[in-house]
PDB file of N, CA and C in Angstrom:
ATOM      1  N   MET A   1      -5.854  22.069  10.776  1.00  0.00           N
ATOM      2  CA  MET A   1      -5.139  20.818  10.686  1.00  0.00           C
ATOM      3  C   MET A   1      -5.871  19.845   9.760  1.00  0.00           C
ATOM      4  N   GLU A   2      -7.164  19.755   9.912  1.00  0.00           N
ATOM      5  CA  GLU A   2      -7.923  18.819   9.088  1.00  0.00           C
ATOM      6  C   GLU A   2      -7.909  19.224   7.621  1.00  0.00           C
ATOM      7  N   VAL A   3      -7.859  20.514   7.365  1.00  0.00           N
ATOM      8  CA  VAL A   3      -7.826  20.998   5.988  1.00  0.00           C
ATOM      9  C   VAL A   3      -6.516  20.608   5.321  1.00  0.00           C
ATOM     10  N   THR A   4      -5.388  20.748   6.026  1.00  0.00           N
ATOM     11  CA  THR A   4      -4.094  20.429   5.419  1.00  0.00           C
ATOM     12  C   THR A   4      -3.909  18.935   5.203  1.00  0.00           C
ATOM     13  N   GLN A   5      -4.462  18.106   6.081  1.00  0.00           N
ATOM     14  CA  GLN A   5      -4.268  16.668   5.892  1.00  0.00           C
ATOM     15  C   GLN A   5      -5.127  16.118   4.769  1.00  0.00           C
ATOM     16  N   HIS A   6      -6.244  16.770   4.454  1.00  0.00           N
ATOM     17  CA  HIS A   6      -7.096  16.305   3.366  1.00  0.00           C
ATOM     18  C   HIS A   6      -6.782  16.984   2.042  1.00  0.00           C
ATOM     19  N   ALA A   7      -5.878  17.936   2.039  1.00  0.00           N
ATOM     20  CA  ALA A   7      -5.509  18.634   0.814  1.00  0.00           C
ATOM     21  C   ALA A   7      -4.645  17.743  -0.063  1.00  0.00           C
ATOM     22  N   ARG A   8      -4.563  18.103  -1.317  1.00  0.00           N
ATOM     23  CA  ARG A   8      -3.680  17.407  -2.254  1.00  0.00           C
ATOM     24  C   ARG A   8      -2.487  18.299  -2.540  1.00  0.00           C
ATOM     25  N   TYR A   9      -1.331  17.680  -2.796  1.00  0.00           N
ATOM     26  CA  TYR A   9      -0.088  18.412  -2.970  1.00  0.00           C
ATOM     27  C   TYR A   9       0.567  18.030  -4.289  1.00  0.00           C
ATOM     28  N   THR A  10       1.515  18.852  -4.738  1.00  0.00           N
ATOM     29  CA  THR A  10       2.278  18.572  -5.944  1.00  0.00           C
ATOM     30  C   THR A  10       3.375  17.559  -5.620  1.00  0.00           C
ATOM     31  N   CYS A  11       3.587  16.605  -6.506  1.00  0.00           N
ATOM     32  CA  CYS A  11       4.588  15.560  -6.300  1.00  0.00           C
ATOM     33  C   CYS A  11       5.990  16.146  -6.456  1.00  0.00           C
ATOM     34  N   THR A  12       6.886  15.828  -5.512  1.00  0.00           N
ATOM     35  CA  THR A  12       8.255  16.318  -5.589  1.00  0.00           C
ATOM     36  C   THR A  12       9.108  15.506  -6.564  1.00  0.00           C
ATOM     37  N   PHE A  13       8.661  14.306  -6.931  1.00  0.00           N
ATOM     38  CA  PHE A  13       9.412  13.478  -7.865  1.00  0.00           C
ATOM     39  C   PHE A  13       9.076  13.817  -9.315  1.00  0.00           C
ATOM     40  N   CYS A  14       7.813  13.794  -9.658  1.00  0.00           N
ATOM     41  CA  CYS A  14       7.431  14.026 -11.045  1.00  0.00           C
ATOM     42  C   CYS A  14       7.006  15.469 -11.297  1.00  0.00           C
ATOM     43  N   GLY A  15       6.647  16.208 -10.249  1.00  0.00           N
ATOM     44  CA  GLY A  15       6.254  17.599 -10.395  1.00  0.00           C
ATOM     45  C   GLY A  15       4.906  17.792 -11.066  1.00  0.00           C
ATOM     46  N   LYS A  16       4.167  16.720 -11.197  1.00  0.00           N
ATOM     47  CA  LYS A  16       2.898  16.792 -11.909  1.00  0.00           C
ATOM     48  C   LYS A  16       1.751  17.090 -10.959  1.00  0.00           C
ATOM     49  N   ASP A  17       0.809  17.826 -11.481  1.00  0.00           N
ATOM     50  CA  ASP A  17      -0.459  17.905 -10.785  1.00  0.00           C
ATOM     51  C   ASP A  17      -1.358  16.876 -11.443  1.00  0.00           C
ATOM     52  N   ALA A  18      -2.568  16.801 -11.060  1.00  0.00           N
ATOM     53  CA  ALA A  18      -3.446  15.736 -11.525  1.00  0.00           C
ATOM     54  C   ALA A  18      -4.282  16.160 -12.722  1.00  0.00           C
ATOM     55  N   SER A  19      -3.739  16.992 -13.581  1.00  0.00           N
ATOM     56  CA  SER A  19      -4.509  17.430 -14.737  1.00  0.00           C
ATOM     57  C   SER A  19      -4.424  16.460 -15.907  1.00  0.00           C
ATOM     58  N   ASN A  20      -3.824  15.275 -15.690  1.00  0.00           N
ATOM     59  CA  ASN A  20      -3.767  14.259 -16.740  1.00  0.00           C
ATOM     60  C   ASN A  20      -5.169  13.753 -17.043  1.00  0.00           C
ATOM     61  N   ASN A  21      -5.426  13.482 -18.294  1.00  0.00           N
ATOM     62  CA  ASN A  21      -6.742  12.984 -18.686  1.00  0.00           C
ATOM     63  C   ASN A  21      -6.935  11.518 -18.351  1.00  0.00           C
ATOM     64  N   ASP A  22      -5.838  10.774 -18.162  1.00  0.00           N
ATOM     65  CA  ASP A  22      -5.964   9.345 -17.887  1.00  0.00           C
ATOM     66  C   ASP A  22      -6.289   9.051 -16.424  1.00  0.00           C
ATOM     67  N   LEU A  23      -6.303  10.074 -15.579  1.00  0.00           N
ATOM     68  CA  LEU A  23      -6.647   9.887 -14.185  1.00  0.00           C
ATOM     69  C   LEU A  23      -8.061  10.390 -13.943  1.00  0.00           C
ATOM     70  N   PRO A  24      -9.028   9.510 -13.792  1.00  0.00           N
ATOM     71  CA  PRO A  24     -10.393   9.968 -13.584  1.00  0.00           C
ATOM     72  C   PRO A  24     -10.595  10.549 -12.194  1.00  0.00           C
ATOM     73  N   ALA A  25     -11.637  11.295 -12.033  1.00  0.00           N
ATOM     74  CA  ALA A  25     -12.071  11.870 -10.761  1.00  0.00           C
ATOM     75  C   ALA A  25     -11.119  12.944 -10.241  1.00  0.00           C
ATOM     76  N   PHE A  26     -10.405  13.615 -11.139  1.00  0.00           N
ATOM     77  CA  PHE A  26      -9.547  14.722 -10.754  1.00  0.00           C
ATOM     78  C   PHE A  26      -9.990  15.982 -11.463  1.00  0.00           C
ATOM     79  N   ASP A  27      -9.988  17.083 -10.764  1.00  0.00           N
ATOM     80  CA  ASP A  27     -10.180  18.372 -11.398  1.00  0.00           C
ATOM     81  C   ASP A  27      -8.826  18.873 -11.871  1.00  0.00           C
ATOM     82  N   GLU A  28      -8.816  19.873 -12.750  1.00  0.00           N
ATOM     83  CA  GLU A  28      -7.557  20.353 -13.283  1.00  0.00           C
ATOM     84  C   GLU A  28      -6.725  21.082 -12.236  1.00  0.00           C
ATOM     85  N   GLN A  29      -7.343  21.621 -11.205  1.00  0.00           N
ATOM     86  CA  GLN A  29      -6.616  22.404 -10.233  1.00  0.00           C
ATOM     87  C   GLN A  29      -6.112  21.564  -9.060  1.00  0.00           C
ATOM     88  N   GLN A  30      -6.474  20.332  -8.968  1.00  0.00           N
ATOM     89  CA  GLN A  30      -6.036  19.505  -7.853  1.00  0.00           C
ATOM     90  C   GLN A  30      -4.670  18.915  -8.142  1.00  0.00           C
ATOM     91  N   ASP A  31      -3.930  18.639  -7.097  1.00  0.00           N
ATOM     92  CA  ASP A  31      -2.612  18.032  -7.236  1.00  0.00           C
ATOM     93  C   ASP A  31      -2.712  16.525  -7.075  1.00  0.00           C
ATOM     94  N   SER A  32      -1.606  15.825  -7.335  1.00  0.00           N
ATOM     95  CA  SER A  32      -1.683  14.372  -7.452  1.00  0.00           C
ATOM     96  C   SER A  32      -1.265  13.612  -6.199  1.00  0.00           C
ATOM     97  N   VAL A  33      -0.722  14.274  -5.183  1.00  0.00           N
ATOM     98  CA  VAL A  33      -0.289  13.581  -3.968  1.00  0.00           C
ATOM     99  C   VAL A  33      -1.369  13.719  -2.912  1.00  0.00           C
ATOM    100  N   LYS A  34      -1.788  12.584  -2.370  1.00  0.00           N
ATOM    101  CA  LYS A  34      -2.818  12.572  -1.345  1.00  0.00           C
ATOM    102  C   LYS A  34      -2.370  11.677  -0.200  1.00  0.00           C
ATOM    103  N   ARG A  35      -2.772  12.019   1.008  1.00  0.00           N
ATOM    104  CA  ARG A  35      -2.404  11.242   2.191  1.00  0.00           C
ATOM    105  C   ARG A  35      -3.221   9.962   2.247  1.00  0.00           C
ATOM    106  N   THR A  36      -2.529   8.830   2.423  1.00  0.00           N
ATOM    107  CA  THR A  36      -3.225   7.552   2.559  1.00  0.00           C
ATOM    108  C   THR A  36      -3.315   7.124   4.018  1.00  0.00           C
ATOM    109  N   ALA A  37      -2.316   7.451   4.820  1.00  0.00           N
ATOM    110  CA  ALA A  37      -2.299   7.174   6.260  1.00  0.00           C
ATOM    111  C   ALA A  37      -1.413   8.228   6.910  1.00  0.00           C
ATOM    112  N   VAL A  38      -1.270   8.163   8.211  1.00  0.00           N
ATOM    113  CA  VAL A  38      -0.465   9.160   8.915  1.00  0.00           C
ATOM    114  C   VAL A  38       0.982   9.061   8.447  1.00  0.00           C
ATOM    115  N   GLY A  39       1.480  10.112   7.807  1.00  0.00           N
ATOM    116  CA  GLY A  39       2.862  10.156   7.346  1.00  0.00           C
ATOM    117  C   GLY A  39       3.123   9.419   6.052  1.00  0.00           C
ATOM    118  N   ILE A  40       2.109   8.864   5.414  1.00  0.00           N
ATOM    119  CA  ILE A  40       2.277   8.137   4.161  1.00  0.00           C
ATOM    120  C   ILE A  40       1.470   8.848   3.080  1.00  0.00           C
ATOM    121  N   TRP A  41       2.161   9.238   2.005  1.00  0.00           N
ATOM    122  CA  TRP A  41       1.553   9.997   0.919  1.00  0.00           C
ATOM    123  C   TRP A  41       1.752   9.230  -0.380  1.00  0.00           C
ATOM    124  N   HIS A  42       0.775   9.300  -1.284  1.00  0.00           N
ATOM    125  CA  HIS A  42       0.833   8.543  -2.531  1.00  0.00           C
ATOM    126  C   HIS A  42       0.548   9.467  -3.707  1.00  0.00           C
ATOM    127  N   CYS A  43       1.406   9.403  -4.730  1.00  0.00           N
ATOM    128  CA  CYS A  43       1.221  10.179  -5.951  1.00  0.00           C
ATOM    129  C   CYS A  43       0.514   9.297  -6.972  1.00  0.00           C
ATOM    130  N   ARG A  44      -0.623   9.765  -7.463  1.00  0.00           N
ATOM    131  CA  ARG A  44      -1.367   8.979  -8.441  1.00  0.00           C
ATOM    132  C   ARG A  44      -0.811   9.142  -9.846  1.00  0.00           C
ATOM    133  N   ALA A  45      -0.021  10.186 -10.089  1.00  0.00           N
ATOM    134  CA  ALA A  45       0.537  10.404 -11.422  1.00  0.00           C
ATOM    135  C   ALA A  45       1.718   9.476 -11.694  1.00  0.00           C
ATOM    136  N   CYS A  46       2.698   9.443 -10.765  1.00  0.00           N
ATOM    137  CA  CYS A  46       3.874   8.585 -10.976  1.00  0.00           C
ATOM    138  C   CYS A  46       3.826   7.315 -10.142  1.00  0.00           C
ATOM    139  N   ARG A  47       2.777   7.148  -9.345  1.00  0.00           N
ATOM    140  CA  ARG A  47       2.531   5.955  -8.536  1.00  0.00           C
ATOM    141  C   ARG A  47       3.633   5.677  -7.515  1.00  0.00           C
ATOM    142  N   LYS A  48       4.215   6.735  -6.953  1.00  0.00           N
ATOM    143  CA  LYS A  48       5.218   6.566  -5.902  1.00  0.00           C
ATOM    144  C   LYS A  48       4.576   6.821  -4.552  1.00  0.00           C
ATOM    145  N   THR A  49       5.046   6.119  -3.543  1.00  0.00           N
ATOM    146  CA  THR A  49       4.602   6.322  -2.178  1.00  0.00           C
ATOM    147  C   THR A  49       5.716   7.045  -1.435  1.00  0.00           C
ATOM    148  N   ILE A  50       5.352   8.101  -0.721  1.00  0.00           N
ATOM    149  CA  ILE A  50       6.314   8.997  -0.102  1.00  0.00           C
ATOM    150  C   ILE A  50       6.071   9.025   1.403  1.00  0.00           C
ATOM    151  N   ALA A  51       7.153   8.977   2.181  1.00  0.00           N
ATOM    152  CA  ALA A  51       7.051   9.181   3.621  1.00  0.00           C
ATOM    153  C   ALA A  51       7.210  10.666   3.888  1.00  0.00           C
ATOM    154  N   GLY A  52       6.300  11.221   4.659  1.00  0.00           N
ATOM    155  CA  GLY A  52       6.344  12.652   4.934  1.00  0.00           C
ATOM    156  C   GLY A  52       5.810  12.953   6.314  1.00  0.00           C
ATOM    157  N   GLY A  53       5.337  14.163   6.469  1.00  0.00           N
ATOM    158  CA  GLY A  53       4.788  14.579   7.747  1.00  0.00           C
ATOM    159  C   GLY A  53       3.398  14.013   7.959  1.00  0.00           C
ATOM    160  N   ALA A  54       2.903  14.165   9.154  1.00  0.00           N
ATOM    161  CA  ALA A  54       1.582  13.629   9.484  1.00  0.00           C
ATOM    162  C   ALA A  54       0.471  14.409   8.791  1.00  0.00           C
ATOM    163  N   TRP A  55       0.630  15.752   8.683  1.00  0.00           N
ATOM    164  CA  TRP A  55      -0.441  16.561   8.098  1.00  0.00           C
ATOM    165  C   TRP A  55      -0.055  17.196   6.782  1.00  0.00           C
ATOM    166  N   THR A  56       1.233  17.353   6.501  1.00  0.00           N
ATOM    167  CA  THR A  56       1.694  17.891   5.228  1.00  0.00           C
ATOM    168  C   THR A  56       2.759  16.967   4.656  1.00  0.00           C
ATOM    169  N   VAL A  57       2.996  17.079   3.354  1.00  0.00           N
ATOM    170  CA  VAL A  57       3.966  16.191   2.703  1.00  0.00           C
ATOM    171  C   VAL A  57       5.372  16.456   3.232  1.00  0.00           C
ATOM    172  N   SER A  58       5.745  17.712   3.336  1.00  0.00           N
ATOM    173  CA  SER A  58       7.089  18.061   3.783  1.00  0.00           C
ATOM    174  C   SER A  58       7.009  18.876   5.064  1.00  0.00           C
ATOM    175  N   THR A  59       7.870  18.553   6.003  1.00  0.00           N
ATOM    176  CA  THR A  59       7.915  19.279   7.263  1.00  0.00           C
ATOM    177  C   THR A  59       9.064  20.287   7.227  1.00  0.00           C
ATOM    178  N   THR A  60       9.083  21.207   8.163  1.00  0.00           N
ATOM    179  CA  THR A  60      10.167  22.190   8.206  1.00  0.00           C
ATOM    180  C   THR A  60      11.490  21.528   8.566  1.00  0.00           C
ATOM    181  N   ALA A  61      11.454  20.499   9.391  1.00  0.00           N
ATOM    182  CA  ALA A  61      12.681  19.773   9.730  1.00  0.00           C
ATOM    183  C   ALA A  61      13.250  19.064   8.495  1.00  0.00           C
ATOM    184  N   ALA A  62      12.390  18.494   7.680  1.00  0.00           N
ATOM    185  CA  ALA A  62      12.853  17.817   6.462  1.00  0.00           C
ATOM    186  C   ALA A  62      13.454  18.820   5.481  1.00  0.00           C
ATOM    187  N   ALA A  63      12.871  20.005   5.376  1.00  0.00           N
ATOM    188  CA  ALA A  63      13.415  21.037   4.493  1.00  0.00           C
ATOM    189  C   ALA A  63      14.785  21.497   4.976  1.00  0.00           C
ATOM    190  N   THR A  64      14.967  21.597   6.276  1.00  0.00           N
ATOM    191  CA  THR A  64      16.258  21.982   6.840  1.00  0.00           C
ATOM    192  C   THR A  64      17.315  20.923   6.552  1.00  0.00           C
ATOM    193  N   ILE A  65      16.961  19.676   6.718  1.00  0.00           N
ATOM    194  CA  ILE A  65      17.905  18.576   6.453  1.00  0.00           C
ATOM    195  C   ILE A  65      18.270  18.528   4.972  1.00  0.00           C
ATOM    196  N   ARG A  66      17.286  18.702   4.084  1.00  0.00           N
ATOM    197  CA  ARG A  66      17.575  18.698   2.645  1.00  0.00           C
ATOM    198  C   ARG A  66      18.541  19.813   2.261  1.00  0.00           C
ATOM    199  N   SER A  67      18.344  21.009   2.810  1.00  0.00           N
ATOM    200  CA  SER A  67      19.245  22.123   2.482  1.00  0.00           C
ATOM    201  C   SER A  67      20.634  21.901   3.066  1.00  0.00           C
ATOM    202  N   THR A  68      20.725  21.310   4.253  1.00  0.00           N
ATOM    203  CA  THR A  68      22.026  21.017   4.848  1.00  0.00           C
ATOM    204  C   THR A  68      22.774  19.971   4.038  1.00  0.00           C
ATOM    205  N   ILE A  69      22.088  18.933   3.620  1.00  0.00           N
ATOM    206  CA  ILE A  69      22.723  17.885   2.798  1.00  0.00           C
ATOM    207  C   ILE A  69      23.181  18.459   1.466  1.00  0.00           C
ATOM    208  N   ARG A  70      22.366  19.308   0.849  1.00  0.00           N
ATOM    209  CA  ARG A  70      22.747  19.931  -0.416  1.00  0.00           C
ATOM    210  C   ARG A  70      23.979  20.807  -0.241  1.00  0.00           C
ATOM    211  N   ARG A  71      24.027  21.588   0.851  1.00  0.00           N
ATOM    212  CA  ARG A  71      25.167  22.465   1.111  1.00  0.00           C
ATOM    213  C   ARG A  71      26.434  21.655   1.348  1.00  0.00           C
ATOM    214  N   LEU A  72      26.339  20.579   2.132  1.00  0.00           N
ATOM    215  CA  LEU A  72      27.519  19.743   2.379  1.00  0.00           C
ATOM    216  C   LEU A  72      27.977  19.023   1.123  1.00  0.00           C
ATOM    217  N   ARG A  73      27.044  18.627   0.286  1.00  0.00           N
ATOM    218  CA  ARG A  73      27.385  17.978  -0.976  1.00  0.00           C
ATOM    219  C   ARG A  73      28.123  18.944  -1.901  1.00  0.00           C
ATOM    220  N   GLU A  74      27.689  20.208  -1.925  1.00  0.00           N
ATOM    221  CA  GLU A  74      28.362  21.210  -2.755  1.00  0.00           C
ATOM    222  C   GLU A  74      29.766  21.494  -2.249  1.00  0.00           C
ATOM    223  N   ILE A  75      29.944  21.470  -0.917  1.00  0.00           N
ATOM    224  CA  ILE A  75      31.273  21.724  -0.348  1.00  0.00           C
ATOM    225  C   ILE A  75      32.237  20.608  -0.717  1.00  0.00           C
ATOM    226  N   THR A  76      31.790  19.363  -0.642  1.00  0.00           N
ATOM    227  CA  THR A  76      32.693  18.234  -0.947  1.00  0.00           C
ATOM    228  C   THR A  76      32.993  18.137  -2.446  1.00  0.00           C
ATOM    229  N   GLU A  77      32.078  18.570  -3.301  1.00  0.00           N
ATOM    230  CA  GLU A  77      32.303  18.517  -4.738  1.00  0.00           C
ATOM    231  C   GLU A  77      33.204  19.656  -5.226  1.00  0.00           C
ATOM    232  N   ALA A  78      33.261  20.740  -4.478  1.00  0.00           N
ATOM    233  CA  ALA A  78      34.048  21.904  -4.916  1.00  0.00           C
ATOM    234  C   ALA A  78      35.513  21.777  -4.630  1.00  0.00           C
TER     235      ALA A  78
END
């Protein structure tokens, strides 16, 4: 649990990892989203703050809701 909450993740908005040269203190293999508080994640590349899970950016419940919304959206558009 402690490993996942301190890990860095790829941003779902910009898709960038932290390999930008303008961001100091990043290695090329690290990602740009880091947890700032419980359920609050911040991307240093695009500077967006994201609400997510307590230990990971995306939870399984959120993934289920996203796929359901996408499926219903496709049904109404068709």
